[in-house]
Amino acid sequence: MAEPASRTNWLIFLALGLMWGSSYLFIKLAVDDFGTFTLVALRLAIGAALLWVVIRFAGQALPREPRIYGHLVVMAVVNIVIPFALITWAEQSVDSSLAAILSSAVPLFAIVIAPLFLHDEPIRVNGVIGLGVGFVGVVVLTSHDLSIADADLTGELALLGAALSYAIGAVYARRNMRGVPPMIPAVFQVTFAMLISGAIAIVLERPWEARPDAEAVFSILWLGVLGSGFAYLAVFRLLASWGATRTTLVAYEIPVVGIVLGFLVLQEPIDGRLLIGTALVVGGVALVNSRFGRRRLFGRVPPVEAT
């Protein structure tokens, strides 16, 4: 039987996939009513407010070291402002299913980047095989009636840039936030990102002129409360427990969530493509987390402790 902490982490992992997996839909619904940075700033403002309430009720002490806040500013830019802006901008011209495929590149970037900076996250045989299998599953799940040739190349590159930025941010957080309670990087990262994106929005987009409809307003609320609030509490809990490479496997949940929501809400059919793709995704996750094929291929040598 799994230990309670392990079961809790898996539940958090599934919830995180739901929160982030649904974000592509709501970005698509709201992006035409707001500018790119305005949408990002609004969702982050809601998320930051929620996180500060959680911090307040939890009685969490704030860090006193100035260097921590410097790391948090870097994380806000790399892990939120850049990828959020790229994804929001790209979804004006790129289909959401294509965006889901490209977002699955996050763990592929992470498995290469993490060993360069984290001695406890080397590249292993099972990780390479599992990530490859999972990526094939994502492509199978989201490639139905998808014409890559018709997609906007600039938007595709923007989404790949977002995936790379997420992977760098995850590794950076794992390296520099060790021992910091998960709520601290969550609240400050979102807050700093909100201030940065809000300043850019005021300069470039005149957000006070936006006239959103009810659907866009609901989308912003969803993105703020779940995608920018609870999601960051979840991701930093997993980073602390699982590490950067394993946590970024949530990218494989995103297209699965989209297909399930499509079936439940829009009565979209479940066909053989979905069953095969889902099996590949689950198999990839299982391989990465299995005890087999753990042979180290590449990674930093752990520091030698003084005796």
C-alpha atoms as a PDB file:
ATOM      1  CA  MET A   1       0.000   0.000   0.000  1.00  0.00           C
ATOM      2  CA  ALA A   2       1.275   3.467  -0.894  1.00  0.00           C
ATOM      3  CA  GLU A   3       2.260   5.768   1.918  1.00  0.00           C
ATOM      4  CA  PRO A   4      -0.145   8.684   2.638  1.00  0.00           C
ATOM      5  CA  ALA A   5       2.382  11.287   1.450  1.00  0.00           C
ATOM      6  CA  SER A   6       2.831   9.419  -1.832  1.00  0.00           C
ATOM      7  CA  ARG A   7      -0.925   9.169  -2.390  1.00  0.00           C
ATOM      8  CA  THR A   8      -1.314  12.873  -1.616  1.00  0.00           C
ATOM      9  CA  ASN A   9       1.368  13.807  -4.145  1.00  0.00           C
ATOM     10  CA  TRP A  10      -0.349  11.779  -6.851  1.00  0.00           C
ATOM     11  CA  LEU A  11      -3.685  13.467  -6.094  1.00  0.00           C
ATOM     12  CA  ILE A  12      -1.969  16.866  -6.281  1.00  0.00           C
ATOM     13  CA  PHE A  13      -0.362  15.822  -9.571  1.00  0.00           C
ATOM     14  CA  LEU A  14      -3.750  14.897 -11.064  1.00  0.00           C
ATOM     15  CA  ALA A  15      -5.365  18.111  -9.800  1.00  0.00           C
ATOM     16  CA  LEU A  16      -2.529  20.181 -11.251  1.00  0.00           C
ATOM     17  CA  GLY A  17      -3.077  18.561 -14.634  1.00  0.00           C
ATOM     18  CA  LEU A  18      -6.760  19.466 -14.469  1.00  0.00           C
ATOM     19  CA  MET A  19      -6.083  23.072 -13.508  1.00  0.00           C
ATOM     20  CA  TRP A  20      -3.426  23.646 -16.148  1.00  0.00           C
ATOM     21  CA  GLY A  21      -5.034  21.404 -18.738  1.00  0.00           C
ATOM     22  CA  SER A  22      -8.202  23.483 -18.733  1.00  0.00           C
ATOM     23  CA  SER A  23      -6.243  26.738 -19.004  1.00  0.00           C
ATOM     24  CA  TYR A  24      -5.782  26.482 -22.771  1.00  0.00           C
ATOM     25  CA  LEU A  25      -9.543  26.490 -23.282  1.00  0.00           C
ATOM     26  CA  PHE A  26     -10.104  29.533 -21.083  1.00  0.00           C
ATOM     27  CA  ILE A  27      -7.193  31.438 -22.584  1.00  0.00           C
ATOM     28  CA  LYS A  28      -8.765  30.848 -25.988  1.00  0.00           C
ATOM     29  CA  LEU A  29     -12.128  32.142 -24.733  1.00  0.00           C
ATOM     30  CA  ALA A  30     -10.688  35.320 -23.194  1.00  0.00           C
ATOM     31  CA  VAL A  31      -7.774  36.314 -25.412  1.00  0.00           C
ATOM     32  CA  ASP A  32      -9.869  38.262 -27.944  1.00  0.00           C
ATOM     33  CA  ASP A  33     -11.374  40.465 -25.211  1.00  0.00           C
ATOM     34  CA  PHE A  34      -8.064  41.391 -23.555  1.00  0.00           C
ATOM     35  CA  GLY A  35      -4.558  42.174 -24.706  1.00  0.00           C
ATOM     36  CA  THR A  36      -1.890  39.545 -24.077  1.00  0.00           C
ATOM     37  CA  PHE A  37      -0.306  41.164 -21.021  1.00  0.00           C
ATOM     38  CA  THR A  38      -3.651  42.443 -19.717  1.00  0.00           C
ATOM     39  CA  LEU A  39      -5.041  38.910 -19.624  1.00  0.00           C
ATOM     40  CA  VAL A  40      -1.880  37.651 -17.938  1.00  0.00           C
ATOM     41  CA  ALA A  41      -1.876  40.456 -15.352  1.00  0.00           C
ATOM     42  CA  LEU A  42      -5.566  40.014 -14.476  1.00  0.00           C
ATOM     43  CA  ARG A  43      -5.345  36.275 -13.943  1.00  0.00           C
ATOM     44  CA  LEU A  44      -2.204  36.751 -11.854  1.00  0.00           C
ATOM     45  CA  ALA A  45      -3.849  39.464  -9.751  1.00  0.00           C
ATOM     46  CA  ILE A  46      -6.627  37.045  -8.807  1.00  0.00           C
ATOM     47  CA  GLY A  47      -4.138  34.268  -8.170  1.00  0.00           C
ATOM     48  CA  ALA A  48      -1.936  36.498  -6.019  1.00  0.00           C
ATOM     49  CA  ALA A  49      -4.895  37.636  -3.911  1.00  0.00           C
ATOM     50  CA  LEU A  50      -5.851  34.023  -3.259  1.00  0.00           C
ATOM     51  CA  LEU A  51      -2.313  33.028  -2.359  1.00  0.00           C
ATOM     52  CA  TRP A  52      -1.887  35.928   0.069  1.00  0.00           C
ATOM     53  CA  VAL A  53      -5.093  34.868   1.842  1.00  0.00           C
ATOM     54  CA  VAL A  54      -3.684  31.335   2.162  1.00  0.00           C
ATOM     55  CA  ILE A  55      -0.380  32.714   3.488  1.00  0.00           C
ATOM     56  CA  ARG A  56      -2.254  34.841   6.012  1.00  0.00           C
ATOM     57  CA  PHE A  57      -4.367  31.994   7.391  1.00  0.00           C
ATOM     58  CA  ALA A  58      -1.429  29.590   7.428  1.00  0.00           C
ATOM     59  CA  GLY A  59       0.659  32.029   9.452  1.00  0.00           C
ATOM     60  CA  GLN A  60       3.612  31.409   7.168  1.00  0.00           C
ATOM     61  CA  ALA A  61       6.711  33.450   8.041  1.00  0.00           C
ATOM     62  CA  LEU A  62       8.244  35.403   5.160  1.00  0.00           C
ATOM     63  CA  PRO A  63      11.921  34.915   4.268  1.00  0.00           C
ATOM     64  CA  ARG A  64      14.408  37.497   5.499  1.00  0.00           C
ATOM     65  CA  GLU A  65      17.304  36.806   3.123  1.00  0.00           C
ATOM     66  CA  PRO A  66      17.431  39.342   0.239  1.00  0.00           C
ATOM     67  CA  ARG A  67      18.872  36.706  -2.100  1.00  0.00           C
ATOM     68  CA  ILE A  68      15.638  34.701  -1.854  1.00  0.00           C
ATOM     69  CA  TYR A  69      13.659  37.624  -3.244  1.00  0.00           C
ATOM     70  CA  GLY A  70      16.167  38.002  -6.064  1.00  0.00           C
ATOM     71  CA  HIS A  71      15.630  34.364  -7.027  1.00  0.00           C
ATOM     72  CA  LEU A  72      11.871  34.863  -6.827  1.00  0.00           C
ATOM     73  CA  VAL A  73      11.989  37.794  -9.258  1.00  0.00           C
ATOM     74  CA  VAL A  74      13.972  35.685 -11.735  1.00  0.00           C
ATOM     75  CA  MET A  75      11.459  32.853 -11.322  1.00  0.00           C
ATOM     76  CA  ALA A  76       8.549  35.233 -11.859  1.00  0.00           C
ATOM     77  CA  VAL A  77       9.992  36.302 -15.205  1.00  0.00           C
ATOM     78  CA  VAL A  78      11.178  32.892 -16.443  1.00  0.00           C
ATOM     79  CA  ASN A  79       8.421  30.703 -15.036  1.00  0.00           C
ATOM     80  CA  ILE A  80       5.386  32.982 -15.475  1.00  0.00           C
ATOM     81  CA  VAL A  81       5.728  36.243 -17.400  1.00  0.00           C
ATOM     82  CA  ILE A  82       7.566  34.825 -20.412  1.00  0.00           C
ATOM     83  CA  PRO A  83       5.649  31.545 -20.887  1.00  0.00           C
ATOM     84  CA  PHE A  84       2.220  33.031 -20.037  1.00  0.00           C
ATOM     85  CA  ALA A  85       2.733  35.857 -22.505  1.00  0.00           C
ATOM     86  CA  LEU A  86       4.017  33.531 -25.235  1.00  0.00           C
ATOM     87  CA  ILE A  87       1.139  31.076 -24.819  1.00  0.00           C
ATOM     88  CA  THR A  88      -1.518  33.786 -24.661  1.00  0.00           C
ATOM     89  CA  TRP A  89      -0.126  35.533 -27.726  1.00  0.00           C
ATOM     90  CA  ALA A  90       0.297  32.276 -29.664  1.00  0.00           C
ATOM     91  CA  GLU A  91      -3.285  31.157 -29.058  1.00  0.00           C
ATOM     92  CA  GLN A  92      -4.514  34.058 -31.155  1.00  0.00           C
ATOM     93  CA  SER A  93      -3.261  32.178 -34.237  1.00  0.00           C
ATOM     94  CA  VAL A  94      -2.477  28.591 -33.185  1.00  0.00           C
ATOM     95  CA  ASP A  95      -5.057  25.898 -32.541  1.00  0.00           C
ATOM     96  CA  SER A  96      -5.336  24.838 -28.890  1.00  0.00           C
ATOM     97  CA  SER A  97      -4.681  21.156 -29.725  1.00  0.00           C
ATOM     98  CA  LEU A  98      -1.383  22.118 -31.361  1.00  0.00           C
ATOM     99  CA  ALA A  99      -0.567  24.186 -28.279  1.00  0.00           C
ATOM    100  CA  ALA A 100      -1.141  21.075 -26.156  1.00  0.00           C
ATOM    101  CA  ILE A 101       1.294  19.072 -28.289  1.00  0.00           C
ATOM    102  CA  LEU A 102       4.020  21.691 -28.058  1.00  0.00           C
ATOM    103  CA  SER A 103       3.548  22.135 -24.311  1.00  0.00           C
ATOM    104  CA  SER A 104       4.438  18.461 -23.878  1.00  0.00           C
ATOM    105  CA  ALA A 105       8.011  19.430 -24.735  1.00  0.00           C
ATOM    106  CA  VAL A 106       8.489  20.749 -21.174  1.00  0.00           C
ATOM    107  CA  PRO A 107       9.722  17.457 -19.661  1.00  0.00           C
ATOM    108  CA  LEU A 108      11.866  16.814 -22.720  1.00  0.00           C
ATOM    109  CA  PHE A 109      13.645  20.116 -22.143  1.00  0.00           C
ATOM    110  CA  ALA A 110      13.819  19.490 -18.385  1.00  0.00           C
ATOM    111  CA  ILE A 111      15.397  16.056 -18.662  1.00  0.00           C
ATOM    112  CA  VAL A 112      18.264  17.621 -20.609  1.00  0.00           C
ATOM    113  CA  ILE A 113      18.614  20.800 -18.509  1.00  0.00           C
ATOM    114  CA  ALA A 114      18.217  19.326 -15.005  1.00  0.00           C
ATOM    115  CA  PRO A 115      21.351  17.122 -15.035  1.00  0.00           C
ATOM    116  CA  LEU A 116      23.481  20.156 -15.896  1.00  0.00           C
ATOM    117  CA  PHE A 117      22.553  21.893 -12.637  1.00  0.00           C
ATOM    118  CA  LEU A 118      21.067  19.296 -10.255  1.00  0.00           C
ATOM    119  CA  HIS A 119      23.300  16.475  -9.026  1.00  0.00           C
ATOM    120  CA  ASP A 120      20.292  14.478  -7.810  1.00  0.00           C
ATOM    121  CA  GLU A 121      18.473  14.487 -11.164  1.00  0.00           C
ATOM    122  CA  PRO A 122      20.683  12.676 -13.703  1.00  0.00           C
ATOM    123  CA  ILE A 123      19.498  11.398 -17.056  1.00  0.00           C
ATOM    124  CA  ARG A 124      18.578   7.728 -16.664  1.00  0.00           C
ATOM    125  CA  VAL A 125      17.612   5.042 -19.151  1.00  0.00           C
ATOM    126  CA  ASN A 126      14.022   4.742 -17.940  1.00  0.00           C
ATOM    127  CA  GLY A 127      13.587   8.528 -18.057  1.00  0.00           C
ATOM    128  CA  VAL A 128      14.639   8.785 -21.693  1.00  0.00           C
ATOM    129  CA  ILE A 129      12.450   5.856 -22.753  1.00  0.00           C
ATOM    130  CA  GLY A 130       9.471   6.991 -20.661  1.00  0.00           C
ATOM    131  CA  LEU A 131       9.572  10.538 -21.931  1.00  0.00           C
ATOM    132  CA  GLY A 132       9.784   9.309 -25.508  1.00  0.00           C
ATOM    133  CA  VAL A 133       6.798   7.008 -25.050  1.00  0.00           C
ATOM    134  CA  GLY A 134       4.805   9.741 -23.330  1.00  0.00           C
ATOM    135  CA  PHE A 135       5.544  12.249 -26.062  1.00  0.00           C
ATOM    136  CA  VAL A 136       4.326   9.818 -28.730  1.00  0.00           C
ATOM    137  CA  GLY A 137       1.146   9.388 -26.697  1.00  0.00           C
ATOM    138  CA  VAL A 138       0.582  13.145 -26.571  1.00  0.00           C
ATOM    139  CA  VAL A 139       0.982  13.395 -30.336  1.00  0.00           C
ATOM    140  CA  VAL A 140      -1.462  10.523 -30.881  1.00  0.00           C
ATOM    141  CA  LEU A 141      -4.017  12.101 -28.549  1.00  0.00           C
ATOM    142  CA  THR A 142      -3.949  15.569 -30.065  1.00  0.00           C
ATOM    143  CA  SER A 143      -3.200  14.989 -33.721  1.00  0.00           C
ATOM    144  CA  HIS A 144      -6.756  14.192 -34.875  1.00  0.00           C
ATOM    145  CA  ASP A 145      -7.639  16.428 -37.847  1.00  0.00           C
ATOM    146  CA  LEU A 146      -4.585  18.576 -37.102  1.00  0.00           C
ATOM    147  CA  SER A 147      -2.720  20.133 -40.001  1.00  0.00           C
ATOM    148  CA  ILE A 148       0.710  21.244 -38.875  1.00  0.00           C
ATOM    149  CA  ALA A 149       1.342  22.826 -42.284  1.00  0.00           C
ATOM    150  CA  ASP A 150      -1.512  25.272 -41.800  1.00  0.00           C
ATOM    151  CA  ALA A 151      -0.398  26.393 -38.348  1.00  0.00           C
ATOM    152  CA  ASP A 152       1.334  29.697 -37.805  1.00  0.00           C
ATOM    153  CA  LEU A 153       5.077  29.058 -37.583  1.00  0.00           C
ATOM    154  CA  THR A 154       5.700  32.044 -35.334  1.00  0.00           C
ATOM    155  CA  GLY A 155       3.051  30.828 -32.918  1.00  0.00           C
ATOM    156  CA  GLU A 156       4.580  27.342 -32.882  1.00  0.00           C
ATOM    157  CA  LEU A 157       7.995  28.774 -32.059  1.00  0.00           C
ATOM    158  CA  ALA A 158       6.434  30.910 -29.314  1.00  0.00           C
ATOM    159  CA  LEU A 159       4.880  27.821 -27.720  1.00  0.00           C
ATOM    160  CA  LEU A 160       8.176  25.949 -27.870  1.00  0.00           C
ATOM    161  CA  GLY A 161       9.802  28.984 -26.256  1.00  0.00           C
ATOM    162  CA  ALA A 162       7.202  28.820 -23.486  1.00  0.00           C
ATOM    163  CA  ALA A 163       7.928  25.127 -22.925  1.00  0.00           C
ATOM    164  CA  LEU A 164      11.663  25.824 -22.713  1.00  0.00           C
ATOM    165  CA  SER A 165      11.038  28.694 -20.295  1.00  0.00           C
ATOM    166  CA  TYR A 166       8.903  26.461 -18.051  1.00  0.00           C
ATOM    167  CA  ALA A 167      11.610  23.799 -17.978  1.00  0.00           C
ATOM    168  CA  ILE A 168      14.307  26.332 -17.080  1.00  0.00           C
ATOM    169  CA  GLY A 169      12.062  27.794 -14.389  1.00  0.00           C
ATOM    170  CA  ALA A 170      11.395  24.381 -12.854  1.00  0.00           C
ATOM    171  CA  VAL A 171      15.087  23.543 -12.666  1.00  0.00           C
ATOM    172  CA  TYR A 172      15.963  27.015 -11.346  1.00  0.00           C
ATOM    173  CA  ALA A 173      13.328  26.687  -8.613  1.00  0.00           C
ATOM    174  CA  ARG A 174      14.539  23.226  -7.637  1.00  0.00           C
ATOM    175  CA  ARG A 175      18.134  24.484  -7.392  1.00  0.00           C
ATOM    176  CA  ASN A 176      17.486  27.722  -5.500  1.00  0.00           C
ATOM    177  CA  MET A 177      14.337  27.088  -3.432  1.00  0.00           C
ATOM    178  CA  ARG A 178      15.490  24.050  -1.478  1.00  0.00           C
ATOM    179  CA  GLY A 179      14.208  24.248   2.083  1.00  0.00           C
ATOM    180  CA  VAL A 180      11.840  27.137   1.330  1.00  0.00           C
ATOM    181  CA  PRO A 181       8.185  26.350   2.188  1.00  0.00           C
ATOM    182  CA  PRO A 182       6.154  25.848  -1.040  1.00  0.00           C
ATOM    183  CA  MET A 183       3.787  28.741  -0.301  1.00  0.00           C
ATOM    184  CA  ILE A 184       6.599  31.298  -0.339  1.00  0.00           C
ATOM    185  CA  PRO A 185       7.774  30.872  -3.947  1.00  0.00           C
ATOM    186  CA  ALA A 186       4.163  30.425  -5.032  1.00  0.00           C
ATOM    187  CA  VAL A 187       2.897  33.728  -3.616  1.00  0.00           C
ATOM    188  CA  PHE A 188       5.924  35.875  -4.441  1.00  0.00           C
ATOM    189  CA  GLN A 189       6.440  34.440  -7.908  1.00  0.00           C
ATOM    190  CA  VAL A 190       2.830  35.163  -8.868  1.00  0.00           C
ATOM    191  CA  THR A 191       2.885  38.595  -7.199  1.00  0.00           C
ATOM    192  CA  PHE A 192       6.086  39.747  -8.889  1.00  0.00           C
ATOM    193  CA  ALA A 193       4.870  38.402 -12.236  1.00  0.00           C
ATOM    194  CA  MET A 194       1.588  40.279 -11.823  1.00  0.00           C
ATOM    195  CA  LEU A 195       3.402  43.560 -11.177  1.00  0.00           C
ATOM    196  CA  ILE A 196       5.721  43.073 -14.156  1.00  0.00           C
ATOM    197  CA  SER A 197       3.013  42.031 -16.624  1.00  0.00           C
ATOM    198  CA  GLY A 198       0.659  44.716 -15.291  1.00  0.00           C
ATOM    199  CA  ALA A 199       3.244  47.439 -15.919  1.00  0.00           C
ATOM    200  CA  ILE A 200       3.798  46.167 -19.458  1.00  0.00           C
ATOM    201  CA  ALA A 201       0.035  46.023 -20.073  1.00  0.00           C
ATOM    202  CA  ILE A 202      -0.449  49.639 -18.954  1.00  0.00           C
ATOM    203  CA  VAL A 203       2.318  50.819 -21.275  1.00  0.00           C
ATOM    204  CA  LEU A 204       1.371  48.757 -24.337  1.00  0.00           C
ATOM    205  CA  GLU A 205      -2.310  47.789 -24.208  1.00  0.00           C
ATOM    206  CA  ARG A 206      -4.507  50.379 -22.447  1.00  0.00           C
ATOM    207  CA  PRO A 207      -6.347  47.713 -20.376  1.00  0.00           C
ATOM    208  CA  TRP A 208      -8.953  50.207 -19.120  1.00  0.00           C
ATOM    209  CA  GLU A 209     -10.474  50.177 -22.604  1.00  0.00           C
ATOM    210  CA  ALA A 210     -11.230  46.427 -22.564  1.00  0.00           C
ATOM    211  CA  ARG A 211     -14.940  45.469 -22.800  1.00  0.00           C
ATOM    212  CA  PRO A 212     -15.049  41.755 -21.937  1.00  0.00           C
ATOM    213  CA  ASP A 213     -18.233  39.695 -22.146  1.00  0.00           C
ATOM    214  CA  ALA A 214     -19.443  37.319 -19.418  1.00  0.00           C
ATOM    215  CA  GLU A 215     -17.611  34.370 -20.945  1.00  0.00           C
ATOM    216  CA  ALA A 216     -14.296  36.238 -20.885  1.00  0.00           C
ATOM    217  CA  VAL A 217     -14.845  37.361 -17.290  1.00  0.00           C
ATOM    218  CA  PHE A 218     -15.570  33.786 -16.173  1.00  0.00           C
ATOM    219  CA  SER A 219     -12.463  32.619 -18.031  1.00  0.00           C
ATOM    220  CA  ILE A 220     -10.299  35.150 -16.206  1.00  0.00           C
ATOM    221  CA  LEU A 221     -11.722  34.026 -12.854  1.00  0.00           C
ATOM    222  CA  TRP A 222     -11.034  30.379 -13.668  1.00  0.00           C
ATOM    223  CA  LEU A 223      -7.509  31.148 -14.829  1.00  0.00           C
ATOM    224  CA  GLY A 224      -6.850  33.284 -11.753  1.00  0.00           C
ATOM    225  CA  VAL A 225      -8.235  31.054  -8.998  1.00  0.00           C
ATOM    226  CA  LEU A 226      -7.093  27.703 -10.372  1.00  0.00           C
ATOM    227  CA  GLY A 227      -4.468  28.236 -13.080  1.00  0.00           C
ATOM    228  CA  SER A 228      -2.614  31.017 -11.221  1.00  0.00           C
ATOM    229  CA  GLY A 229      -3.544  30.356  -7.594  1.00  0.00           C
ATOM    230  CA  PHE A 230      -3.976  26.800  -6.417  1.00  0.00           C
ATOM    231  CA  ALA A 231      -1.852  25.485  -9.300  1.00  0.00           C
ATOM    232  CA  TYR A 232       1.298  27.180  -7.992  1.00  0.00           C
ATOM    233  CA  LEU A 233       0.762  25.853  -4.493  1.00  0.00           C
ATOM    234  CA  ALA A 234       0.527  22.417  -6.066  1.00  0.00           C
ATOM    235  CA  VAL A 235       3.559  22.706  -8.340  1.00  0.00           C
ATOM    236  CA  PHE A 236       5.930  23.852  -5.590  1.00  0.00           C
ATOM    237  CA  ARG A 237       4.740  21.042  -3.332  1.00  0.00           C
ATOM    238  CA  LEU A 238       5.604  18.578  -6.100  1.00  0.00           C
ATOM    239  CA  LEU A 239       8.953  20.251  -6.885  1.00  0.00           C
ATOM    240  CA  ALA A 240       9.953  19.829  -3.259  1.00  0.00           C
ATOM    241  CA  SER A 241       8.851  16.190  -3.145  1.00  0.00           C
ATOM    242  CA  TRP A 242       9.507  14.885  -6.653  1.00  0.00           C
ATOM    243  CA  GLY A 243      12.048  17.170  -8.302  1.00  0.00           C
ATOM    244  CA  ALA A 244      11.941  19.168 -11.527  1.00  0.00           C
ATOM    245  CA  THR A 245      11.996  16.416 -14.166  1.00  0.00           C
ATOM    246  CA  ARG A 246       9.246  14.323 -12.584  1.00  0.00           C
ATOM    247  CA  THR A 247       7.054  17.334 -11.813  1.00  0.00           C
ATOM    248  CA  THR A 248       7.132  18.556 -15.411  1.00  0.00           C
ATOM    249  CA  LEU A 249       5.484  15.280 -16.437  1.00  0.00           C
ATOM    250  CA  VAL A 250       2.264  17.151 -15.694  1.00  0.00           C
ATOM    251  CA  ALA A 251       2.640  18.390 -19.273  1.00  0.00           C
ATOM    252  CA  TYR A 252       1.497  14.940 -20.394  1.00  0.00           C
ATOM    253  CA  GLU A 253      -1.773  15.338 -18.490  1.00  0.00           C
ATOM    254  CA  ILE A 254      -2.751  18.516 -20.312  1.00  0.00           C
ATOM    255  CA  PRO A 255      -4.010  16.987 -23.581  1.00  0.00           C
ATOM    256  CA  VAL A 256      -5.658  14.128 -21.690  1.00  0.00           C
ATOM    257  CA  VAL A 257      -7.655  16.639 -19.650  1.00  0.00           C
ATOM    258  CA  GLY A 258      -8.665  18.454 -22.824  1.00  0.00           C
ATOM    259  CA  ILE A 259     -10.028  15.291 -24.416  1.00  0.00           C
ATOM    260  CA  VAL A 260     -11.919  14.199 -21.292  1.00  0.00           C
ATOM    261  CA  LEU A 261     -13.483  17.646 -20.881  1.00  0.00           C
ATOM    262  CA  GLY A 262     -14.440  17.580 -24.551  1.00  0.00           C
ATOM    263  CA  PHE A 263     -16.255  14.276 -24.052  1.00  0.00           C
ATOM    264  CA  LEU A 264     -18.047  15.325 -20.847  1.00  0.00           C
ATOM    265  CA  VAL A 265     -18.963  18.869 -21.873  1.00  0.00           C
ATOM    266  CA  LEU A 266     -19.167  18.728 -25.661  1.00  0.00           C
ATOM    267  CA  GLN A 267     -20.022  15.027 -26.124  1.00  0.00           C
ATOM    268  CA  GLU A 268     -16.979  14.474 -28.325  1.00  0.00           C
ATOM    269  CA  PRO A 269     -16.517  10.752 -29.165  1.00  0.00           C
ATOM    270  CA  ILE A 270     -13.936   8.514 -27.547  1.00  0.00           C
ATOM    271  CA  ASP A 271     -12.206   6.487 -30.267  1.00  0.00           C
ATOM    272  CA  GLY A 272      -9.253   4.148 -30.642  1.00  0.00           C
ATOM    273  CA  ARG A 273      -6.884   7.095 -30.996  1.00  0.00           C
ATOM    274  CA  LEU A 274      -7.825   8.319 -27.538  1.00  0.00           C
ATOM    275  CA  LEU A 275      -7.451   4.884 -25.935  1.00  0.00           C
ATOM    276  CA  ILE A 276      -4.045   4.254 -27.541  1.00  0.00           C
ATOM    277  CA  GLY A 277      -2.771   7.741 -26.755  1.00  0.00           C
ATOM    278  CA  THR A 278      -3.906   7.585 -23.141  1.00  0.00           C
ATOM    279  CA  ALA A 279      -2.238   4.188 -22.708  1.00  0.00           C
ATOM    280  CA  LEU A 280       1.028   5.595 -24.084  1.00  0.00           C
ATOM    281  CA  VAL A 281       0.887   8.619 -21.774  1.00  0.00           C
ATOM    282  CA  VAL A 282       0.204   6.508 -18.685  1.00  0.00           C
ATOM    283  CA  GLY A 283       2.896   4.049 -19.770  1.00  0.00           C
ATOM    284  CA  GLY A 284       5.413   6.851 -20.208  1.00  0.00           C
ATOM    285  CA  VAL A 285       4.727   8.226 -16.745  1.00  0.00           C
ATOM    286  CA  ALA A 286       5.009   4.735 -15.291  1.00  0.00           C
ATOM    287  CA  LEU A 287       8.359   4.153 -17.000  1.00  0.00           C
ATOM    288  CA  VAL A 288       9.860   7.423 -15.757  1.00  0.00           C
ATOM    289  CA  ASN A 289       8.824   6.601 -12.203  1.00  0.00           C
ATOM    290  CA  SER A 290       9.646   2.879 -12.290  1.00  0.00           C
ATOM    291  CA  ARG A 291      12.473   1.190 -10.413  1.00  0.00           C
ATOM    292  CA  PHE A 292      13.716  -0.469 -13.587  1.00  0.00           C
ATOM    293  CA  GLY A 293      16.217   1.020 -15.999  1.00  0.00           C
ATOM    294  CA  ARG A 294      17.634   3.378 -13.365  1.00  0.00           C
ATOM    295  CA  ARG A 295      21.144   3.258 -14.815  1.00  0.00           C
ATOM    296  CA  ARG A 296      22.682   6.724 -14.796  1.00  0.00           C
ATOM    297  CA  LEU A 297      23.507   8.023 -18.281  1.00  0.00           C
ATOM    298  CA  PHE A 298      24.611  11.575 -17.534  1.00  0.00           C
ATOM    299  CA  GLY A 299      24.472  14.108 -14.703  1.00  0.00           C
ATOM    300  CA  ARG A 300      26.464  16.231 -12.289  1.00  0.00           C
ATOM    301  CA  VAL A 301      28.531  14.350  -9.730  1.00  0.00           C
ATOM    302  CA  PRO A 302      27.134  14.874  -6.201  1.00  0.00           C
ATOM    303  CA  PRO A 303      29.307  17.134  -4.012  1.00  0.00           C
ATOM    304  CA  VAL A 304      31.657  15.332  -1.654  1.00  0.00           C
ATOM    305  CA  GLU A 305      30.748  15.929   1.982  1.00  0.00           C
ATOM    306  CA  ALA A 306      33.532  16.843   4.397  1.00  0.00           C
ATOM    307  CA  THR A 307      34.397  14.182   6.915  1.00  0.00           C
END
